[in-house]
Protein backbone atom coordinates (compact mmCIF):
# COMPACT_ATOMS: atom_id res chain seq x y z
CA MET A 1 9.11 79.16 136.29
CA LYS A 2 13.02 79.03 138.76
CA THR A 3 12.14 80.58 142.40
CA PHE A 4 15.15 82.54 143.69
CA LEU A 5 16.21 83.47 146.94
CA LYS A 6 18.04 86.71 147.42
CA ILE A 7 21.03 86.42 149.74
CA ALA A 8 23.76 88.68 151.07
CA GLY A 9 22.34 91.28 148.08
CA LYS A 10 23.06 87.98 145.42
CA LYS A 11 20.70 86.66 143.96
CA ARG A 12 20.84 82.43 143.73
CA LYS A 13 18.96 79.48 142.05
CA SER A 14 16.93 77.61 145.38
CA ASP A 15 17.59 74.60 143.47
CA ILE A 16 21.50 74.78 143.58
CA ASP A 17 21.36 73.21 147.26
CA ASN A 18 19.76 70.06 145.97
CA ARG A 19 21.96 69.08 143.34
CA GLY A 20 24.89 67.38 144.55
CA PHE A 21 25.15 63.76 145.00
CA LYS A 22 24.65 62.61 148.81
CA ASP A 23 26.10 59.57 150.17
CA LYS A 24 22.75 58.59 151.77
CA TRP A 25 21.55 57.88 148.48
CA THR A 26 23.60 54.66 148.23
CA LYS A 27 21.55 52.99 151.29
CA ASP A 28 18.67 54.32 150.51
CA TYR A 29 17.97 53.99 146.59
CA PHE A 30 21.27 52.28 145.54
CA PHE A 31 22.97 54.68 143.67
CA ILE A 32 26.57 55.90 143.40
CA GLU A 33 28.77 58.66 141.95
CA ASN A 34 31.22 57.80 139.42
CA ASN A 35 32.99 59.88 137.02
CA GLY A 36 31.01 62.91 138.51
CA LYS A 37 27.57 60.95 137.71
CA SER A 38 25.09 59.25 139.60
CA LEU A 39 25.40 56.00 138.49
CA CYS A 40 22.39 52.86 139.28
CA LEU A 41 24.23 49.91 140.92
CA ILE A 42 21.56 47.95 140.11
CA CYS A 43 21.03 48.64 135.98
CA MET A 44 23.92 50.87 135.82
CA ASP A 45 22.01 53.92 134.38
CA THR A 46 23.40 57.28 135.20
CA ILE A 47 20.86 60.28 135.81
CA ALA A 48 21.84 63.61 133.85
CA VAL A 49 21.68 65.69 137.06
CA ALA A 50 21.83 64.79 140.66
CA LYS A 51 18.83 65.75 142.25
CA VAL A 52 17.12 63.87 144.92
CA ASN A 53 13.91 63.83 143.18
CA ASN A 54 15.54 62.26 140.00
CA ILE A 55 17.04 59.73 142.36
CA LYS A 56 14.13 58.71 143.50
CA GLN A 57 11.67 58.50 140.83
CA HIS A 58 14.53 55.39 138.78
CA HIS A 59 14.21 53.57 142.39
CA ASN A 60 10.81 53.76 142.39
CA SER A 61 9.56 53.56 138.97
CA LYS A 62 12.81 50.88 138.48
CA HIS A 63 13.47 48.88 141.35
CA ALA A 64 11.13 49.54 143.68
CA LEU A 65 9.61 45.80 143.87
CA GLN A 66 12.51 44.30 143.98
CA PHE A 67 14.56 45.66 146.68
CA ASP A 68 12.17 47.87 149.18
CA PHE A 69 11.59 44.81 150.87
CA LEU A 70 15.96 45.18 152.39
CA GLN A 71 15.64 47.04 155.23
CA GLY A 72 18.80 48.56 157.63
CA GLU A 73 21.76 46.34 157.65
CA GLU A 74 19.92 44.62 154.95
CA ARG A 75 20.23 47.33 152.28
CA VAL A 76 23.73 48.16 153.52
CA LYS A 77 24.91 44.96 152.59
CA LYS A 78 23.30 44.77 149.51
CA ALA A 79 24.90 47.66 148.00
CA SER A 80 28.11 46.72 148.96
CA GLU A 81 27.50 43.49 146.44
CA PHE A 82 26.64 45.79 143.79
CA LYS A 83 29.12 48.11 144.82
CA LYS A 84 32.14 44.90 144.64
CA LYS A 85 30.12 44.00 141.15
CA LEU A 86 30.73 46.85 139.18
CA SER A 87 34.67 47.81 140.89
CA SER A 88 35.19 43.77 139.31
CA GLN A 89 33.88 44.82 135.51
CA GLN A 90 35.58 47.91 136.17
CA SER A 91 39.27 46.51 136.88
CA ILE A 92 39.29 43.91 133.66
CA PHE A 93 38.85 46.97 131.49
CA VAL A 94 41.91 48.42 133.13
CA LYS A 95 45.30 48.96 130.76
CA THR A 96 48.03 47.30 131.70
CA ASP A 97 51.44 47.78 130.72
């Protein structure tokens, strides 16, 4: 059942604000936005709908045991490493003229 909020005489879905990639998900869950989709930097899976519950569920079910011990700056460094790895993988497929 969907919940509706009435704002300024208009109805809108209450979960619209929750859809959209947040930059803090990179540090918290190792996700980035890539071509309009949320991409896991660890396993390269994409999440169809960018909502915190979907992102969190993926991380907790697949990667929590491996990476939850990382805190603060260590987590940021690991996310940065994953980003570099992804960009190096993607650069192989760049068409050159």
